[in-house]
Structures are given as structure tokens and as C-alpha cells.
Amino acid sequence: MIIVSRLTEILNGNIIHHQNYFVMLRWALIFFIVAVIAAIFGFGGIAAGAASIAKILFFIFLVLFLVSIIAGAVRR
């Protein structure tokens, strides 16, 4: 239940105003939801496109997250 409420806050933009770090994660979640909805309705091309965009954004977010963790560890 906590995960659902956190995702709802991210999608509504409540967290983004306080922390700009979640902007890319928000877009990845939006494209993921679009891909799931399109897959349910059977729009294969739209679902594949949205899923690939979500995957790219997720990996970019993951790389930036790891870089920020490493940079924070090096500063200490």
C-alpha cells in the first residue's frame, strides 16, 4: 500500500516540486503505465514504443542514480 501511495505522489507531481531527482523516474512510470494500458487494449506498436521509451528512461535514471551515489561516496 505504501508503494502505491508513493507512486501516486510521484505521478501527481507532489514529490517533484520538493525533489527534482524524481523527474526522470516520473516519466519512466508514465510511459510504463501507457505501455501497460496499450498492451491491455492490444495496440502492439504503441505499447512497444512506450515500453522502449520507459526502458531507456529507466536505465538513464539508474545510471544517474549510481553516479550520484559514487560521487557522494567520493566526497566523504
Protein backbone atom coordinates (compact mmCIF):
# COMPACT_ATOMS: atom_id res chain seq x y z
CA MET A 1 0.00 0.00 0.00
CA ILE A 2 2.88 2.35 0.73
CA ILE A 3 4.32 1.73 -2.73
CA VAL A 4 1.02 2.61 -4.40
CA SER A 5 0.69 5.84 -2.42
CA ARG A 6 4.31 6.78 -3.21
CA LEU A 7 3.76 6.11 -6.94
CA THR A 8 0.59 8.20 -6.82
CA GLU A 9 2.52 11.08 -5.25
CA ILE A 10 5.22 10.82 -7.93
CA LEU A 11 2.69 10.72 -10.77
CA ASN A 12 0.72 13.65 -9.32
CA GLY A 13 3.90 15.71 -9.10
CA ASN A 14 3.79 16.24 -5.33
CA ILE A 15 7.32 14.95 -4.77
CA ILE A 16 8.79 16.54 -7.88
CA HIS A 17 8.37 20.07 -6.51
CA HIS A 18 10.44 19.14 -3.47
CA GLN A 19 13.00 16.88 -5.14
CA ASN A 20 13.92 17.29 -8.78
CA TYR A 21 15.57 13.87 -8.73
CA PHE A 22 12.28 12.10 -9.44
CA VAL A 23 11.50 13.85 -12.74
CA MET A 24 13.00 11.14 -14.94
CA LEU A 25 11.53 8.37 -12.78
CA ARG A 26 8.12 10.03 -13.15
CA TRP A 27 8.40 9.97 -16.96
CA ALA A 28 9.52 6.33 -16.90
CA LEU A 29 6.49 5.43 -14.77
CA ILE A 30 4.14 7.36 -17.05
CA PHE A 31 5.45 5.61 -20.18
CA PHE A 32 5.27 2.26 -18.37
CA ILE A 33 1.63 2.84 -17.47
CA VAL A 34 0.86 3.91 -21.05
CA ALA A 35 2.55 0.75 -22.32
CA VAL A 36 0.55 -1.47 -19.96
CA ILE A 37 -2.75 0.19 -20.87
CA ALA A 38 -1.95 -0.03 -24.60
CA ALA A 39 -0.99 -3.69 -24.22
CA ILE A 40 -4.30 -4.41 -22.50
CA PHE A 41 -6.19 -2.87 -25.42
CA GLY A 42 -4.00 -4.67 -27.94
CA PHE A 43 -2.18 -1.76 -29.52
CA GLY A 44 1.12 -3.54 -30.08
CA GLY A 45 3.01 -0.74 -31.79
CA ILE A 46 2.05 1.88 -29.23
CA ALA A 47 2.78 -0.49 -26.34
CA ALA A 48 6.18 -1.41 -27.76
CA GLY A 49 7.09 2.23 -28.33
CA ALA A 50 6.05 3.34 -24.86
CA ALA A 51 7.78 0.35 -23.28
CA SER A 52 11.02 1.08 -25.09
CA ILE A 53 10.90 4.74 -24.04
CA ALA A 54 10.21 3.69 -20.44
CA LYS A 55 13.10 1.24 -20.56
CA ILE A 56 15.51 3.88 -21.89
CA LEU A 57 14.44 6.43 -19.29
CA PHE A 58 14.71 3.85 -16.52
CA PHE A 59 18.29 2.94 -17.45
CA ILE A 60 19.27 6.61 -17.75
CA PHE A 61 17.78 7.19 -14.30
CA LEU A 62 19.61 4.16 -12.94
CA VAL A 63 22.96 5.31 -14.32
CA LEU A 64 22.48 8.84 -12.95
CA PHE A 65 21.48 7.39 -9.58
CA LEU A 66 24.61 5.23 -9.43
CA VAL A 67 26.80 8.16 -10.48
CA SER A 68 25.31 10.32 -7.74
CA ILE A 69 25.88 7.58 -5.15
CA ILE A 70 29.51 7.17 -6.24
CA ALA A 71 30.05 10.95 -6.30
CA GLY A 72 28.57 11.24 -2.81
CA ALA A 73 30.80 8.44 -1.53
CA VAL A 74 33.91 10.04 -3.02
CA ARG A 75 33.15 13.43 -1.40
CA ARG A 76 33.05 11.88 2.07
